[in-house]
Amino acid sequence: MGSLVRAQEGEQIYFYMGKLNEILDGWGNLIKSNFGLLDEETRALAESRLLHCNKCSIRTDNTCDPNKMILNEKTNQMVSGCGCNIAAKTLSRASKCPAGKW
């Protein structure tokens, strides 16, 4: 049983490291964008994502509100907002919308 627990802990660490990389990628790209250094492909991706975010019911100001629920378009399950800063999240290439919109 000890090896199973270690494997699960390893999976959790891998999951959280991936999330950390997404957060750092998004904020790094937001800084690049503020200095006019963002690549065109990432800029276009973020603009496309923002079209969905701008009309989303779980958006509160610039946050994907974790206190609000929405039906995920892909899984048909109710999910809450992720709590992320939308400007940064849309600039993170590996990030996904909790509502399954992108």
PDB file of N, CA and C in Angstrom:
ATOM      1  N   MET A   1       0.816  -1.188   0.000  1.00  0.00           N
ATOM      2  CA  MET A   1       0.000   0.000   0.000  1.00  0.00           C
ATOM      3  C   MET A   1       0.867   1.262   0.000  1.00  0.00           C
ATOM      4  N   GLY A   2       2.043   1.203   0.595  1.00  0.00           N
ATOM      5  CA  GLY A   2       2.930   2.355   0.643  1.00  0.00           C
ATOM      6  C   GLY A   2       3.319   2.850  -0.733  1.00  0.00           C
ATOM      7  N   SER A   3       3.560   1.925  -1.664  1.00  0.00           N
ATOM      8  CA  SER A   3       3.946   2.351  -3.008  1.00  0.00           C
ATOM      9  C   SER A   3       2.782   3.014  -3.736  1.00  0.00           C
ATOM     10  N   LEU A   4       1.550   2.588  -3.456  1.00  0.00           N
ATOM     11  CA  LEU A   4       0.371   3.209  -4.052  1.00  0.00           C
ATOM     12  C   LEU A   4       0.220   4.650  -3.556  1.00  0.00           C
ATOM     13  N   VAL A   5       0.426   4.869  -2.275  1.00  0.00           N
ATOM     14  CA  VAL A   5       0.344   6.214  -1.695  1.00  0.00           C
ATOM     15  C   VAL A   5       1.414   7.102  -2.310  1.00  0.00           C
ATOM     16  N   ARG A   6       2.639   6.575  -2.434  1.00  0.00           N
ATOM     17  CA  ARG A   6       3.717   7.359  -3.037  1.00  0.00           C
ATOM     18  C   ARG A   6       3.398   7.689  -4.486  1.00  0.00           C
ATOM     19  N   ALA A   7       2.804   6.761  -5.210  1.00  0.00           N
ATOM     20  CA  ALA A   7       2.434   7.012  -6.601  1.00  0.00           C
ATOM     21  C   ALA A   7       1.376   8.112  -6.684  1.00  0.00           C
ATOM     22  N   GLN A   8       0.391   8.069  -5.789  1.00  0.00           N
ATOM     23  CA  GLN A   8      -0.651   9.097  -5.771  1.00  0.00           C
ATOM     24  C   GLN A   8      -0.066  10.455  -5.411  1.00  0.00           C
ATOM     25  N   GLU A   9       0.833  10.473  -4.465  1.00  0.00           N
ATOM     26  CA  GLU A   9       1.493  11.725  -4.090  1.00  0.00           C
ATOM     27  C   GLU A   9       2.302  12.259  -5.262  1.00  0.00           C
ATOM     28  N   GLY A  10       2.969  11.390  -5.985  1.00  0.00           N
ATOM     29  CA  GLY A  10       3.733  11.792  -7.162  1.00  0.00           C
ATOM     30  C   GLY A  10       2.834  12.388  -8.235  1.00  0.00           C
ATOM     31  N   GLU A  11       1.663  11.788  -8.439  1.00  0.00           N
ATOM     32  CA  GLU A  11       0.709  12.317  -9.411  1.00  0.00           C
ATOM     33  C   GLU A  11       0.228  13.700  -8.995  1.00  0.00           C
ATOM     34  N   GLN A  12      -0.029  13.895  -7.698  1.00  0.00           N
ATOM     35  CA  GLN A  12      -0.476  15.200  -7.213  1.00  0.00           C
ATOM     36  C   GLN A  12       0.608  16.254  -7.416  1.00  0.00           C
ATOM     37  N   ILE A  13       1.832  15.894  -7.124  1.00  0.00           N
ATOM     38  CA  ILE A  13       2.942  16.830  -7.318  1.00  0.00           C
ATOM     39  C   ILE A  13       3.053  17.192  -8.791  1.00  0.00           C
ATOM     40  N   TYR A  14       2.960  16.202  -9.666  1.00  0.00           N
ATOM     41  CA  TYR A  14       3.032  16.441 -11.108  1.00  0.00           C
ATOM     42  C   TYR A  14       1.894  17.370 -11.546  1.00  0.00           C
ATOM     43  N   PHE A  15       0.678  17.135 -11.031  1.00  0.00           N
ATOM     44  CA  PHE A  15      -0.487  17.956 -11.361  1.00  0.00           C
ATOM     45  C   PHE A  15      -0.251  19.406 -10.945  1.00  0.00           C
ATOM     46  N   TYR A  16       0.178  19.609  -9.705  1.00  0.00           N
ATOM     47  CA  TYR A  16       0.369  20.972  -9.200  1.00  0.00           C
ATOM     48  C   TYR A  16       1.545  21.676  -9.870  1.00  0.00           C
ATOM     49  N   MET A  17       2.564  20.960 -10.235  1.00  0.00           N
ATOM     50  CA  MET A  17       3.679  21.570 -10.959  1.00  0.00           C
ATOM     51  C   MET A  17       3.214  22.023 -12.339  1.00  0.00           C
ATOM     52  N   GLY A  18       2.341  21.223 -12.963  1.00  0.00           N
ATOM     53  CA  GLY A  18       1.784  21.615 -14.256  1.00  0.00           C
ATOM     54  C   GLY A  18       0.959  22.881 -14.131  1.00  0.00           C
ATOM     55  N   LYS A  19       0.137  22.964 -13.076  1.00  0.00           N
ATOM     56  CA  LYS A  19      -0.663  24.165 -12.840  1.00  0.00           C
ATOM     57  C   LYS A  19       0.237  25.374 -12.586  1.00  0.00           C
ATOM     58  N   LEU A  20       1.292  25.178 -11.811  1.00  0.00           N
ATOM     59  CA  LEU A  20       2.228  26.259 -11.549  1.00  0.00           C
ATOM     60  C   LEU A  20       2.860  26.751 -12.848  1.00  0.00           C
ATOM     61  N   ASN A  21       3.233  25.838 -13.722  1.00  0.00           N
ATOM     62  CA  ASN A  21       3.803  26.221 -15.014  1.00  0.00           C
ATOM     63  C   ASN A  21       2.797  27.017 -15.845  1.00  0.00           C
ATOM     64  N   GLU A  22       1.524  26.626 -15.806  1.00  0.00           N
ATOM     65  CA  GLU A  22       0.488  27.370 -16.532  1.00  0.00           C
ATOM     66  C   GLU A  22       0.371  28.795 -15.985  1.00  0.00           C
ATOM     67  N   ILE A  23       0.366  28.922 -14.668  1.00  0.00           N
ATOM     68  CA  ILE A  23       0.252  30.241 -14.037  1.00  0.00           C
ATOM     69  C   ILE A  23       1.441  31.118 -14.416  1.00  0.00           C
ATOM     70  N   LEU A  24       2.639  30.571 -14.317  1.00  0.00           N
ATOM     71  CA  LEU A  24       3.834  31.341 -14.658  1.00  0.00           C
ATOM     72  C   LEU A  24       3.855  31.719 -16.129  1.00  0.00           C
ATOM     73  N   ASP A  25       3.411  30.821 -17.002  1.00  0.00           N
ATOM     74  CA  ASP A  25       3.343  31.098 -18.435  1.00  0.00           C
ATOM     75  C   ASP A  25       2.378  32.252 -18.702  1.00  0.00           C
ATOM     76  N   GLY A  26       1.204  32.199 -18.074  1.00  0.00           N
ATOM     77  CA  GLY A  26       0.213  33.247 -18.277  1.00  0.00           C
ATOM     78  C   GLY A  26       0.689  34.608 -17.799  1.00  0.00           C
ATOM     79  N   TRP A  27       1.219  34.670 -16.586  1.00  0.00           N
ATOM     80  CA  TRP A  27       1.693  35.949 -16.055  1.00  0.00           C
ATOM     81  C   TRP A  27       2.911  36.446 -16.827  1.00  0.00           C
ATOM     82  N   GLY A  28       3.786  35.541 -17.212  1.00  0.00           N
ATOM     83  CA  GLY A  28       4.942  35.946 -18.028  1.00  0.00           C
ATOM     84  C   GLY A  28       4.500  36.529 -19.354  1.00  0.00           C
ATOM     85  N   ASN A  29       3.515  35.911 -19.980  1.00  0.00           N
ATOM     86  CA  ASN A  29       3.013  36.425 -21.252  1.00  0.00           C
ATOM     87  C   ASN A  29       2.272  37.744 -21.073  1.00  0.00           C
ATOM     88  N   LEU A  30       1.616  37.924 -19.931  1.00  0.00           N
ATOM     89  CA  LEU A  30       0.951  39.200 -19.662  1.00  0.00           C
ATOM     90  C   LEU A  30       1.994  40.320 -19.556  1.00  0.00           C
ATOM     91  N   ILE A  31       3.106  40.042 -18.906  1.00  0.00           N
ATOM     92  CA  ILE A  31       4.185  41.028 -18.821  1.00  0.00           C
ATOM     93  C   ILE A  31       4.737  41.315 -20.210  1.00  0.00           C
ATOM     94  N   LYS A  32       4.983  40.260 -20.991  1.00  0.00           N
ATOM     95  CA  LYS A  32       5.462  40.457 -22.361  1.00  0.00           C
ATOM     96  C   LYS A  32       4.494  41.320 -23.152  1.00  0.00           C
ATOM     97  N   SER A  33       3.201  41.048 -22.990  1.00  0.00           N
ATOM     98  CA  SER A  33       2.181  41.811 -23.702  1.00  0.00           C
ATOM     99  C   SER A  33       2.234  43.291 -23.324  1.00  0.00           C
ATOM    100  N   ASN A  34       2.426  43.580 -22.051  1.00  0.00           N
ATOM    101  CA  ASN A  34       2.488  44.971 -21.587  1.00  0.00           C
ATOM    102  C   ASN A  34       3.682  45.727 -22.156  1.00  0.00           C
ATOM    103  N   PHE A  35       4.716  44.996 -22.549  1.00  0.00           N
ATOM    104  CA  PHE A  35       5.900  45.618 -23.143  1.00  0.00           C
ATOM    105  C   PHE A  35       5.942  45.464 -24.668  1.00  0.00           C
ATOM    106  N   GLY A  36       4.846  44.960 -25.256  1.00  0.00           N
ATOM    107  CA  GLY A  36       4.794  44.795 -26.704  1.00  0.00           C
ATOM    108  C   GLY A  36       5.682  43.685 -27.222  1.00  0.00           C
ATOM    109  N   LEU A  37       5.986  42.698 -26.388  1.00  0.00           N
ATOM    110  CA  LEU A  37       6.904  41.623 -26.763  1.00  0.00           C
ATOM    111  C   LEU A  37       6.225  40.269 -26.957  1.00  0.00           C
ATOM    112  N   LEU A  38       4.902  40.235 -26.901  1.00  0.00           N
ATOM    113  CA  LEU A  38       4.184  38.968 -27.007  1.00  0.00           C
ATOM    114  C   LEU A  38       4.120  38.511 -28.460  1.00  0.00           C
ATOM    115  N   ASP A  39       4.337  37.224 -28.692  1.00  0.00           N
ATOM    116  CA  ASP A  39       4.276  36.702 -30.055  1.00  0.00           C
ATOM    117  C   ASP A  39       2.834  36.736 -30.566  1.00  0.00           C
ATOM    118  N   GLU A  40       2.696  36.849 -31.867  1.00  0.00           N
ATOM    119  CA  GLU A  40       1.392  37.016 -32.502  1.00  0.00           C
ATOM    120  C   GLU A  40       0.459  35.825 -32.278  1.00  0.00           C
ATOM    121  N   GLU A  41       0.998  34.623 -32.287  1.00  0.00           N
ATOM    122  CA  GLU A  41       0.175  33.423 -32.107  1.00  0.00           C
ATOM    123  C   GLU A  41      -0.485  33.400 -30.722  1.00  0.00           C
ATOM    124  N   THR A  42       0.277  33.730 -29.690  1.00  0.00           N
ATOM    125  CA  THR A  42      -0.272  33.748 -28.326  1.00  0.00           C
ATOM    126  C   THR A  42      -1.280  34.884 -28.180  1.00  0.00           C
ATOM    127  N   ARG A  43      -0.996  36.034 -28.775  1.00  0.00           N
ATOM    128  CA  ARG A  43      -1.922  37.164 -28.720  1.00  0.00           C
ATOM    129  C   ARG A  43      -3.252  36.799 -29.356  1.00  0.00           C
ATOM    130  N   ALA A  44      -3.212  36.159 -30.528  1.00  0.00           N
ATOM    131  CA  ALA A  44      -4.437  35.757 -31.223  1.00  0.00           C
ATOM    132  C   ALA A  44      -5.209  34.711 -30.421  1.00  0.00           C
ATOM    133  N   LEU A  45      -4.496  33.785 -29.794  1.00  0.00           N
ATOM    134  CA  LEU A  45      -5.134  32.763 -28.966  1.00  0.00           C
ATOM    135  C   LEU A  45      -5.871  33.416 -27.797  1.00  0.00           C
ATOM    136  N   ALA A  46      -5.210  34.353 -27.130  1.00  0.00           N
ATOM    137  CA  ALA A  46      -5.817  35.038 -25.985  1.00  0.00           C
ATOM    138  C   ALA A  46      -7.041  35.834 -26.416  1.00  0.00           C
ATOM    139  N   GLU A  47      -6.972  36.508 -27.546  1.00  0.00           N
ATOM    140  CA  GLU A  47      -8.115  37.290 -28.029  1.00  0.00           C
ATOM    141  C   GLU A  47      -9.305  36.390 -28.309  1.00  0.00           C
ATOM    142  N   SER A  48      -9.049  35.245 -28.898  1.00  0.00           N
ATOM    143  CA  SER A  48     -10.117  34.281 -29.177  1.00  0.00           C
ATOM    144  C   SER A  48     -10.750  33.783 -27.884  1.00  0.00           C
ATOM    145  N   ARG A  49      -9.930  33.477 -26.903  1.00  0.00           N
ATOM    146  CA  ARG A  49     -10.427  33.008 -25.609  1.00  0.00           C
ATOM    147  C   ARG A  49     -11.234  34.093 -24.899  1.00  0.00           C
ATOM    148  N   LEU A  50     -10.759  35.323 -24.980  1.00  0.00           N
ATOM    149  CA  LEU A  50     -11.443  36.426 -24.303  1.00  0.00           C
ATOM    150  C   LEU A  50     -12.848  36.661 -24.846  1.00  0.00           C
ATOM    151  N   LEU A  51     -13.082  36.323 -26.101  1.00  0.00           N
ATOM    152  CA  LEU A  51     -14.431  36.452 -26.659  1.00  0.00           C
ATOM    153  C   LEU A  51     -15.422  35.618 -25.854  1.00  0.00           C
ATOM    154  N   HIS A  52     -14.992  34.456 -25.395  1.00  0.00           N
ATOM    155  CA  HIS A  52     -15.838  33.603 -24.556  1.00  0.00           C
ATOM    156  C   HIS A  52     -15.912  34.152 -23.133  1.00  0.00           C
ATOM    157  N   CYS A  53     -14.767  34.532 -22.591  1.00  0.00           N
ATOM    158  CA  CYS A  53     -14.707  35.012 -21.204  1.00  0.00           C
ATOM    159  C   CYS A  53     -15.528  36.284 -21.002  1.00  0.00           C
ATOM    160  N   ASN A  54     -15.504  37.161 -21.982  1.00  0.00           N
ATOM    161  CA  ASN A  54     -16.176  38.448 -21.829  1.00  0.00           C
ATOM    162  C   ASN A  54     -17.681  38.320 -21.649  1.00  0.00           C
ATOM    163  N   LYS A  55     -18.269  37.233 -22.117  1.00  0.00           N
ATOM    164  CA  LYS A  55     -19.719  37.051 -21.971  1.00  0.00           C
ATOM    165  C   LYS A  55     -20.082  35.897 -21.031  1.00  0.00           C
ATOM    166  N   CYS A  56     -19.103  35.420 -20.279  1.00  0.00           N
ATOM    167  CA  CYS A  56     -19.320  34.268 -19.412  1.00  0.00           C
ATOM    168  C   CYS A  56     -19.989  34.670 -18.094  1.00  0.00           C
ATOM    169  N   SER A  57     -20.908  33.849 -17.647  1.00  0.00           N
ATOM    170  CA  SER A  57     -21.665  34.140 -16.429  1.00  0.00           C
ATOM    171  C   SER A  57     -20.862  33.935 -15.141  1.00  0.00           C
ATOM    172  N   ILE A  58     -19.716  33.252 -15.204  1.00  0.00           N
ATOM    173  CA  ILE A  58     -18.924  33.080 -13.972  1.00  0.00           C
ATOM    174  C   ILE A  58     -17.781  34.087 -13.869  1.00  0.00           C
ATOM    175  N   ARG A  59     -17.747  35.022 -14.803  1.00  0.00           N
ATOM    176  CA  ARG A  59     -16.737  36.083 -14.729  1.00  0.00           C
ATOM    177  C   ARG A  59     -17.220  37.164 -13.770  1.00  0.00           C
ATOM    178  N   THR A  60     -16.338  37.559 -12.858  1.00  0.00           N
ATOM    179  CA  THR A  60     -16.563  38.698 -11.981  1.00  0.00           C
ATOM    180  C   THR A  60     -15.340  39.599 -12.126  1.00  0.00           C
ATOM    181  N   ASP A  61     -15.547  40.756 -12.706  1.00  0.00           N
ATOM    182  CA  ASP A  61     -14.448  41.668 -13.020  1.00  0.00           C
ATOM    183  C   ASP A  61     -13.430  40.928 -13.891  1.00  0.00           C
ATOM    184  N   ASN A  62     -12.193  40.780 -13.420  1.00  0.00           N
ATOM    185  CA  ASN A  62     -11.182  40.078 -14.215  1.00  0.00           C
ATOM    186  C   ASN A  62     -10.839  38.715 -13.619  1.00  0.00           C
ATOM    187  N   THR A  63     -11.836  38.102 -12.945  1.00  0.00           N
ATOM    188  CA  THR A  63     -11.608  36.819 -12.281  1.00  0.00           C
ATOM    189  C   THR A  63     -12.626  35.791 -12.755  1.00  0.00           C
ATOM    190  N   CYS A  64     -12.165  34.576 -12.942  1.00  0.00           N
ATOM    191  CA  CYS A  64     -13.050  33.430 -13.172  1.00  0.00           C
ATOM    192  C   CYS A  64     -13.505  33.010 -11.772  1.00  0.00           C
ATOM    193  N   ASP A  65     -14.682  33.451 -11.390  1.00  0.00           N
ATOM    194  CA  ASP A  65     -15.141  33.440 -10.006  1.00  0.00           C
ATOM    195  C   ASP A  65     -15.375  32.024  -9.450  1.00  0.00           C
ATOM    196  N   PRO A  66     -14.603  31.613  -8.434  1.00  0.00           N
ATOM    197  CA  PRO A  66     -14.773  30.281  -7.859  1.00  0.00           C
ATOM    198  C   PRO A  66     -16.056  30.135  -7.032  1.00  0.00           C
ATOM    199  N   ASN A  67     -16.755  31.237  -6.786  1.00  0.00           N
ATOM    200  CA  ASN A  67     -18.011  31.200  -6.033  1.00  0.00           C
ATOM    201  C   ASN A  67     -19.232  31.062  -6.930  1.00  0.00           C
ATOM    202  N   LYS A  68     -19.002  30.956  -8.239  1.00  0.00           N
ATOM    203  CA  LYS A  68     -20.093  30.810  -9.190  1.00  0.00           C
ATOM    204  C   LYS A  68     -19.970  29.466  -9.903  1.00  0.00           C
ATOM    205  N   MET A  69     -21.111  28.930 -10.311  1.00  0.00           N
ATOM    206  CA  MET A  69     -21.150  27.625 -10.985  1.00  0.00           C
ATOM    207  C   MET A  69     -21.655  27.804 -12.424  1.00  0.00           C
ATOM    208  N   ILE A  70     -21.228  26.878 -13.283  1.00  0.00           N
ATOM    209  CA  ILE A  70     -21.643  26.877 -14.676  1.00  0.00           C
ATOM    210  C   ILE A  70     -21.592  25.440 -15.195  1.00  0.00           C
ATOM    211  N   LEU A  71     -22.372  25.153 -16.201  1.00  0.00           N
ATOM    212  CA  LEU A  71     -22.374  23.832 -16.820  1.00  0.00           C
ATOM    213  C   LEU A  71     -21.207  23.736 -17.796  1.00  0.00           C
ATOM    214  N   ASN A  72     -20.329  22.749 -17.596  1.00  0.00           N
ATOM    215  CA  ASN A  72     -19.217  22.530 -18.511  1.00  0.00           C
ATOM    216  C   ASN A  72     -19.781  22.025 -19.837  1.00  0.00           C
ATOM    217  N   GLU A  73     -19.429  22.700 -20.929  1.00  0.00           N
ATOM    218  CA  GLU A  73     -19.966  22.378 -22.251  1.00  0.00           C
ATOM    219  C   GLU A  73     -19.530  21.013 -22.769  1.00  0.00           C
ATOM    220  N   LYS A  74     -18.413  20.496 -22.275  1.00  0.00           N
ATOM    221  CA  LYS A  74     -17.896  19.218 -22.765  1.00  0.00           C
ATOM    222  C   LYS A  74     -18.341  18.038 -21.909  1.00  0.00           C
ATOM    223  N   THR A  75     -18.426  18.248 -20.587  1.00  0.00           N
ATOM    224  CA  THR A  75     -18.743  17.134 -19.688  1.00  0.00           C
ATOM    225  C   THR A  75     -20.182  17.146 -19.191  1.00  0.00           C
ATOM    226  N   ASN A  76     -20.884  18.253 -19.406  1.00  0.00           N
ATOM    227  CA  ASN A  76     -22.248  18.442 -18.894  1.00  0.00           C
ATOM    228  C   ASN A  76     -22.326  18.327 -17.377  1.00  0.00           C
ATOM    229  N   GLN A  77     -21.242  18.651 -16.695  1.00  0.00           N
ATOM    230  CA  GLN A  77     -21.221  18.660 -15.237  1.00  0.00           C
ATOM    231  C   GLN A  77     -21.120  20.102 -14.757  1.00  0.00           C
ATOM    232  N   MET A  78     -21.725  20.367 -13.604  1.00  0.00           N
ATOM    233  CA  MET A  78     -21.610  21.688 -13.015  1.00  0.00           C
ATOM    234  C   MET A  78     -20.207  21.853 -12.439  1.00  0.00           C
ATOM    235  N   VAL A  79     -19.593  22.985 -12.736  1.00  0.00           N
ATOM    236  CA  VAL A  79     -18.246  23.283 -12.250  1.00  0.00           C
ATOM    237  C   VAL A  79     -18.222  24.707 -11.722  1.00  0.00           C
ATOM    238  N   SER A  80     -17.269  24.980 -10.866  1.00  0.00           N
ATOM    239  CA  SER A  80     -17.095  26.353 -10.384  1.00  0.00           C
ATOM    240  C   SER A  80     -15.968  27.005 -11.171  1.00  0.00           C
ATOM    241  N   GLY A  81     -15.926  28.330 -11.079  1.00  0.00           N
ATOM    242  CA  GLY A  81     -14.821  29.047 -11.691  1.00  0.00           C
ATOM    243  C   GLY A  81     -13.517  28.651 -11.022  1.00  0.00           C
ATOM    244  N   CYS A  82     -12.425  28.875 -11.701  1.00  0.00           N
ATOM    245  CA  CYS A  82     -11.124  28.415 -11.205  1.00  0.00           C
ATOM    246  C   CYS A  82     -10.448  29.413 -10.267  1.00  0.00           C
ATOM    247  N   GLY A  83     -10.901  30.657 -10.264  1.00  0.00           N
ATOM    248  CA  GLY A  83     -10.287  31.668  -9.416  1.00  0.00           C
ATOM    249  C   GLY A  83      -9.151  32.414 -10.080  1.00  0.00           C
ATOM    250  N   CYS A  84      -8.871  32.079 -11.314  1.00  0.00           N
ATOM    251  CA  CYS A  84      -7.738  32.691 -12.012  1.00  0.00           C
ATOM    252  C   CYS A  84      -8.037  34.109 -12.489  1.00  0.00           C
ATOM    253  N   ASN A  85      -6.969  34.874 -12.639  1.00  0.00           N
ATOM    254  CA  ASN A  85      -7.018  36.161 -13.301  1.00  0.00           C
ATOM    255  C   ASN A  85      -7.210  35.876 -14.789  1.00  0.00           C
ATOM    256  N   ILE A  86      -8.278  36.394 -15.369  1.00  0.00           N
ATOM    257  CA  ILE A  86      -8.625  36.053 -16.747  1.00  0.00           C
ATOM    258  C   ILE A  86      -7.591  36.554 -17.748  1.00  0.00           C
ATOM    259  N   ALA A  87      -7.069  37.751 -17.529  1.00  0.00           N
ATOM    260  CA  ALA A  87      -6.075  38.285 -18.460  1.00  0.00           C
ATOM    261  C   ALA A  87      -4.858  37.367 -18.542  1.00  0.00           C
ATOM    262  N   ALA A  88      -4.413  36.853 -17.405  1.00  0.00           N
ATOM    263  CA  ALA A  88      -3.251  35.959 -17.390  1.00  0.00           C
ATOM    264  C   ALA A  88      -3.614  34.569 -17.894  1.00  0.00           C
ATOM    265  N   LYS A  89      -4.763  34.047 -17.483  1.00  0.00           N
ATOM    266  CA  LYS A  89      -5.137  32.682 -17.867  1.00  0.00           C
ATOM    267  C   LYS A  89      -5.295  32.544 -19.376  1.00  0.00           C
ATOM    268  N   THR A  90      -5.904  33.530 -20.020  1.00  0.00           N
ATOM    269  CA  THR A  90      -6.103  33.434 -21.467  1.00  0.00           C
ATOM    270  C   THR A  90      -4.778  33.475 -22.219  1.00  0.00           C
ATOM    271  N   LEU A  91      -3.734  33.988 -21.578  1.00  0.00           N
ATOM    272  CA  LEU A  91      -2.412  34.051 -22.202  1.00  0.00           C
ATOM    273  C   LEU A  91      -1.559  32.821 -21.911  1.00  0.00           C
ATOM    274  N   SER A  92      -2.069  31.903 -21.122  1.00  0.00           N
ATOM    275  CA  SER A  92      -1.356  30.663 -20.823  1.00  0.00           C
ATOM    276  C   SER A  92      -1.782  29.618 -21.848  1.00  0.00           C
ATOM    277  N   ARG A  93      -0.874  29.261 -22.720  1.00  0.00           N
ATOM    278  CA  ARG A  93      -1.208  28.367 -23.841  1.00  0.00           C
ATOM    279  C   ARG A  93      -1.759  27.021 -23.402  1.00  0.00           C
ATOM    280  N   ALA A  94      -1.294  26.484 -22.282  1.00  0.00           N
ATOM    281  CA  ALA A  94      -1.713  25.148 -21.848  1.00  0.00           C
ATOM    282  C   ALA A  94      -2.983  25.161 -20.993  1.00  0.00           C
ATOM    283  N   SER A  95      -3.421  26.338 -20.566  1.00  0.00           N
ATOM    284  CA  SER A  95      -4.591  26.414 -19.687  1.00  0.00           C
ATOM    285  C   SER A  95      -5.882  26.096 -20.432  1.00  0.00           C
ATOM    286  N   LYS A  96      -6.853  25.633 -19.656  1.00  0.00           N
ATOM    287  CA  LYS A  96      -8.173  25.302 -20.208  1.00  0.00           C
ATOM    288  C   LYS A  96      -9.242  26.024 -19.401  1.00  0.00           C
ATOM    289  N   CYS A  97     -10.319  26.334 -20.064  1.00  0.00           N
ATOM    290  CA  CYS A  97     -11.462  26.975 -19.427  1.00  0.00           C
ATOM    291  C   CYS A  97     -12.196  25.942 -18.571  1.00  0.00           C
ATOM    292  N   PRO A  98     -12.537  26.271 -17.315  1.00  0.00           N
ATOM    293  CA  PRO A  98     -13.254  25.306 -16.483  1.00  0.00           C
ATOM    294  C   PRO A  98     -14.647  24.970 -17.027  1.00  0.00           C
ATOM    295  N   ALA A  99     -15.199  25.860 -17.853  1.00  0.00           N
ATOM    296  CA  ALA A  99     -16.517  25.627 -18.445  1.00  0.00           C
ATOM    297  C   ALA A  99     -16.422  24.893 -19.781  1.00  0.00           C
ATOM    298  N   GLY A 100     -15.210  24.551 -20.203  1.00  0.00           N
ATOM    299  CA  GLY A 100     -15.015  23.812 -21.446  1.00  0.00           C
ATOM    300  C   GLY A 100     -15.231  24.642 -22.694  1.00  0.00           C
ATOM    301  N   LYS A 101     -15.152  25.956 -22.586  1.00  0.00           N
ATOM    302  CA  LYS A 101     -15.383  26.831 -23.734  1.00  0.00           C
ATOM    303  C   LYS A 101     -14.161  26.974 -24.623  1.00  0.00           C
ATOM    304  N   TRP A 102     -12.973  26.711 -24.049  1.00  0.00           N
ATOM    305  CA  TRP A 102     -11.730  26.725 -24.832  1.00  0.00           C
ATOM    306  C   TRP A 102     -10.688  25.879 -24.129  1.00  0.00           C
TER     307      TRP A 102
END
